[in-house]
């Protein structure tokens, strides 16, 4: 099983098979609508499932999206690695 490659202009070709599609439902919709391009977010409790096409994708129902502040990278090892 693999992730469906992204064929969108916003996604660099070298990252096309590293982007996970996440469908957002119910309480999580409001948080997802407030997300902004160019910002970093932590998304917790994403449920994995297989799409009809046989690819891995995610589903998020709860309010588990949190914007990350780059200034806090020294105390967040995952954000620090992402920025490096």
N, C-alpha and C. Protein backbone atom coordinates (compact mmCIF):
# COMPACT_ATOMS: atom_id res chain seq x y z
N UNK A 1 0.85 -1.17 0.00
CA UNK A 1 0.00 0.00 0.00
C UNK A 1 0.90 1.24 0.00
N UNK A 2 0.49 2.26 -0.75
CA UNK A 2 1.29 3.48 -0.83
C UNK A 2 0.37 4.70 -0.80
N UNK A 3 0.99 5.86 -0.73
CA UNK A 3 0.27 7.13 -0.74
C UNK A 3 0.05 7.53 -2.19
N UNK A 4 -1.14 8.02 -2.50
CA UNK A 4 -1.46 8.48 -3.85
C UNK A 4 -0.60 9.70 -4.19
N UNK A 5 0.17 9.67 -5.27
CA UNK A 5 1.01 10.81 -5.63
C UNK A 5 0.18 12.06 -5.91
N UNK A 6 0.66 13.20 -5.45
CA UNK A 6 -0.02 14.48 -5.66
C UNK A 6 0.43 15.05 -7.00
N UNK A 7 -0.51 15.51 -7.79
CA UNK A 7 -0.19 16.10 -9.08
C UNK A 7 -0.61 17.56 -9.14
N UNK A 8 -0.47 18.28 -8.04
CA UNK A 8 -0.89 19.68 -7.96
C UNK A 8 0.30 20.62 -8.11
N UNK A 9 0.05 21.81 -8.61
CA UNK A 9 1.11 22.80 -8.83
C UNK A 9 1.81 23.22 -7.53
N UNK A 10 1.09 23.16 -6.40
CA UNK A 10 1.67 23.60 -5.13
C UNK A 10 2.64 22.59 -4.54
N UNK A 11 2.67 21.40 -5.07
CA UNK A 11 3.51 20.34 -4.51
C UNK A 11 4.71 20.06 -5.40
N UNK A 12 5.94 20.26 -4.88
CA UNK A 12 7.13 19.95 -5.66
C UNK A 12 7.15 18.47 -6.04
N UNK A 13 7.59 18.17 -7.24
CA UNK A 13 7.61 16.81 -7.76
C UNK A 13 8.32 15.85 -6.81
N UNK A 14 9.42 16.27 -6.19
CA UNK A 14 10.19 15.39 -5.31
C UNK A 14 9.43 15.03 -4.03
N UNK A 15 8.36 15.77 -3.73
CA UNK A 15 7.56 15.48 -2.53
C UNK A 15 6.22 14.85 -2.86
N UNK A 16 5.94 14.63 -4.14
CA UNK A 16 4.61 14.18 -4.58
C UNK A 16 4.15 12.87 -3.94
N UNK A 17 5.08 11.99 -3.62
CA UNK A 17 4.67 10.72 -3.00
C UNK A 17 4.86 10.71 -1.49
N UNK A 18 5.01 11.92 -0.89
CA UNK A 18 5.18 12.03 0.56
C UNK A 18 4.04 12.80 1.23
N UNK A 19 3.09 13.27 0.44
CA UNK A 19 1.98 14.06 0.97
C UNK A 19 0.78 13.15 1.19
N UNK A 20 0.27 13.14 2.42
CA UNK A 20 -0.87 12.30 2.76
C UNK A 20 -2.16 13.10 2.66
N UNK A 21 -3.09 12.63 1.87
CA UNK A 21 -4.41 13.24 1.77
C UNK A 21 -5.17 12.95 3.07
N UNK A 22 -5.74 14.01 3.66
CA UNK A 22 -6.53 13.84 4.88
C UNK A 22 -7.90 14.45 4.64
N UNK A 23 -8.94 13.64 4.76
CA UNK A 23 -10.31 14.14 4.68
C UNK A 23 -10.71 14.61 6.07
N UNK A 24 -11.37 15.76 6.13
CA UNK A 24 -11.74 16.37 7.40
C UNK A 24 -13.26 16.43 7.50
N UNK A 25 -13.79 15.99 8.65
CA UNK A 25 -15.22 15.93 8.87
C UNK A 25 -15.61 16.54 10.21
N UNK A 26 -16.88 16.79 10.37
CA UNK A 26 -17.51 17.17 11.63
C UNK A 26 -16.79 18.30 12.35
N UNK A 27 -16.40 18.10 13.61
CA UNK A 27 -15.83 19.15 14.44
C UNK A 27 -14.50 19.69 13.91
N UNK A 28 -13.78 18.93 13.11
CA UNK A 28 -12.47 19.35 12.61
C UNK A 28 -12.56 20.32 11.44
N UNK A 29 -13.72 20.45 10.82
CA UNK A 29 -13.85 21.30 9.63
C UNK A 29 -13.48 22.75 9.90
N UNK A 30 -13.95 23.31 11.00
CA UNK A 30 -13.65 24.71 11.32
C UNK A 30 -12.16 24.97 11.43
N UNK A 31 -11.45 24.10 12.13
CA UNK A 31 -10.00 24.25 12.27
C UNK A 31 -9.30 24.13 10.92
N UNK A 32 -9.74 23.19 10.12
CA UNK A 32 -9.12 22.98 8.80
C UNK A 32 -9.34 24.20 7.90
N UNK A 33 -10.49 24.81 7.97
CA UNK A 33 -10.78 25.98 7.15
C UNK A 33 -9.93 27.19 7.53
N UNK A 34 -9.44 27.21 8.76
CA UNK A 34 -8.61 28.33 9.22
C UNK A 34 -7.13 28.13 8.93
N UNK A 35 -6.75 26.96 8.44
CA UNK A 35 -5.35 26.70 8.13
C UNK A 35 -4.89 27.63 7.01
N UNK A 36 -3.63 28.08 7.10
CA UNK A 36 -3.09 29.02 6.12
C UNK A 36 -1.86 28.43 5.44
N UNK A 37 -1.76 28.69 4.16
CA UNK A 37 -0.60 28.25 3.38
C UNK A 37 0.66 28.88 3.95
N UNK A 38 1.72 28.09 4.01
CA UNK A 38 3.01 28.58 4.50
C UNK A 38 3.20 28.44 6.00
N UNK A 39 2.18 27.94 6.71
CA UNK A 39 2.27 27.73 8.15
C UNK A 39 2.48 26.25 8.42
N UNK A 40 2.95 25.94 9.61
CA UNK A 40 3.16 24.56 10.01
C UNK A 40 2.12 24.19 11.06
N UNK A 41 1.61 22.95 10.95
CA UNK A 41 0.56 22.49 11.85
C UNK A 41 0.87 21.09 12.37
N UNK A 42 0.44 20.83 13.58
CA UNK A 42 0.44 19.49 14.12
C UNK A 42 -1.00 18.99 14.02
N UNK A 43 -1.16 17.81 13.44
CA UNK A 43 -2.49 17.23 13.30
C UNK A 43 -2.46 15.87 13.99
N UNK A 44 -3.14 15.78 15.13
CA UNK A 44 -3.12 14.56 15.94
C UNK A 44 -4.37 13.71 15.70
N UNK A 45 -4.24 12.45 15.96
CA UNK A 45 -5.35 11.50 15.93
C UNK A 45 -5.98 11.33 14.55
N UNK A 46 -5.14 11.40 13.50
CA UNK A 46 -5.63 11.13 12.15
C UNK A 46 -5.76 9.62 12.00
N UNK A 47 -6.92 9.20 11.55
CA UNK A 47 -7.18 7.77 11.35
C UNK A 47 -6.75 7.38 9.94
N UNK A 48 -5.99 6.32 9.83
CA UNK A 48 -5.55 5.83 8.52
C UNK A 48 -6.60 4.89 7.94
N UNK A 49 -6.77 4.98 6.63
CA UNK A 49 -7.68 4.07 5.95
C UNK A 49 -7.21 3.91 4.51
N UNK A 50 -7.78 2.96 3.82
CA UNK A 50 -7.44 2.71 2.42
C UNK A 50 -8.54 3.29 1.55
N UNK A 51 -8.15 4.10 0.56
CA UNK A 51 -9.13 4.70 -0.34
C UNK A 51 -9.70 3.67 -1.30
N UNK A 52 -10.71 4.04 -2.02
CA UNK A 52 -11.29 3.14 -3.02
C UNK A 52 -10.27 2.76 -4.09
N UNK A 53 -9.29 3.63 -4.32
CA UNK A 53 -8.24 3.36 -5.30
C UNK A 53 -7.12 2.51 -4.74
N UNK A 54 -7.20 2.15 -3.46
CA UNK A 54 -6.18 1.31 -2.85
C UNK A 54 -5.01 2.06 -2.25
N UNK A 55 -5.14 3.39 -2.09
CA UNK A 55 -4.06 4.19 -1.53
C UNK A 55 -4.34 4.51 -0.06
N UNK A 56 -3.28 4.75 0.70
CA UNK A 56 -3.40 5.15 2.09
C UNK A 56 -3.84 6.61 2.15
N UNK A 57 -4.80 6.90 3.01
CA UNK A 57 -5.24 8.28 3.23
C UNK A 57 -5.64 8.43 4.69
N UNK A 58 -5.88 9.66 5.11
CA UNK A 58 -6.26 9.91 6.49
C UNK A 58 -7.65 10.49 6.60
N UNK A 59 -8.21 10.37 7.80
CA UNK A 59 -9.52 10.95 8.10
C UNK A 59 -9.44 11.58 9.48
N UNK A 60 -9.92 12.81 9.59
CA UNK A 60 -9.89 13.53 10.86
C UNK A 60 -11.30 14.02 11.18
N UNK A 61 -11.79 13.70 12.37
CA UNK A 61 -13.14 14.07 12.78
C UNK A 61 -13.11 15.04 13.96
N UNK A 62 -12.12 14.91 14.83
CA UNK A 62 -12.05 15.73 16.05
C UNK A 62 -11.20 16.98 15.85
N UNK A 63 -11.33 17.92 16.75
CA UNK A 63 -10.54 19.16 16.70
C UNK A 63 -9.14 18.87 17.23
N UNK A 64 -8.27 18.46 16.34
CA UNK A 64 -6.91 18.07 16.74
C UNK A 64 -5.85 18.76 15.88
N UNK A 65 -6.17 19.94 15.32
CA UNK A 65 -5.23 20.69 14.49
C UNK A 65 -4.69 21.84 15.31
N UNK A 66 -3.37 21.95 15.39
CA UNK A 66 -2.73 23.00 16.18
C UNK A 66 -1.63 23.66 15.35
N UNK A 67 -1.71 24.97 15.21
CA UNK A 67 -0.68 25.71 14.48
C UNK A 67 0.61 25.74 15.30
N UNK A 68 1.74 25.52 14.63
CA UNK A 68 3.04 25.51 15.30
C UNK A 68 3.75 26.83 15.07
N UNK A 69 4.36 27.34 16.11
CA UNK A 69 5.12 28.60 16.03
C UNK A 69 6.59 28.27 15.81
N UNK A 70 7.17 28.81 14.74
CA UNK A 70 8.58 28.54 14.44
C UNK A 70 9.50 28.95 15.57
N UNK A 71 9.11 29.94 16.34
CA UNK A 71 9.94 30.41 17.45
C UNK A 71 10.07 29.37 18.56
N UNK A 72 9.22 28.34 18.55
CA UNK A 72 9.26 27.30 19.58
C UNK A 72 10.00 26.05 19.11
N UNK A 73 10.69 26.15 17.99
CA UNK A 73 11.38 24.99 17.42
C UNK A 73 12.42 24.41 18.37
N UNK A 74 13.01 25.23 19.22
CA UNK A 74 14.04 24.73 20.13
C UNK A 74 13.45 23.75 21.16
N UNK A 75 12.16 23.84 21.42
CA UNK A 75 11.53 22.95 22.39
C UNK A 75 10.64 21.89 21.73
N UNK A 76 10.62 21.87 20.40
CA UNK A 76 9.80 20.88 19.67
C UNK A 76 10.71 20.19 18.66
N UNK A 77 11.15 18.98 18.99
CA UNK A 77 12.14 18.29 18.15
C UNK A 77 11.63 17.99 16.75
N UNK A 78 10.35 17.73 16.59
CA UNK A 78 9.79 17.44 15.27
C UNK A 78 9.75 18.69 14.40
N UNK A 79 9.34 19.81 14.97
CA UNK A 79 9.32 21.07 14.23
C UNK A 79 10.74 21.48 13.87
N UNK A 80 11.66 21.32 14.80
CA UNK A 80 13.06 21.66 14.55
C UNK A 80 13.61 20.85 13.36
N UNK A 81 13.33 19.54 13.33
CA UNK A 81 13.79 18.70 12.23
C UNK A 81 13.13 19.13 10.91
N UNK A 82 11.87 19.48 10.96
CA UNK A 82 11.17 19.92 9.75
C UNK A 82 11.79 21.20 9.19
N UNK A 83 12.10 22.14 10.06
CA UNK A 83 12.68 23.40 9.62
C UNK A 83 14.10 23.24 9.09
N UNK A 84 14.82 22.25 9.61
CA UNK A 84 16.19 22.01 9.14
C UNK A 84 16.17 21.38 7.78
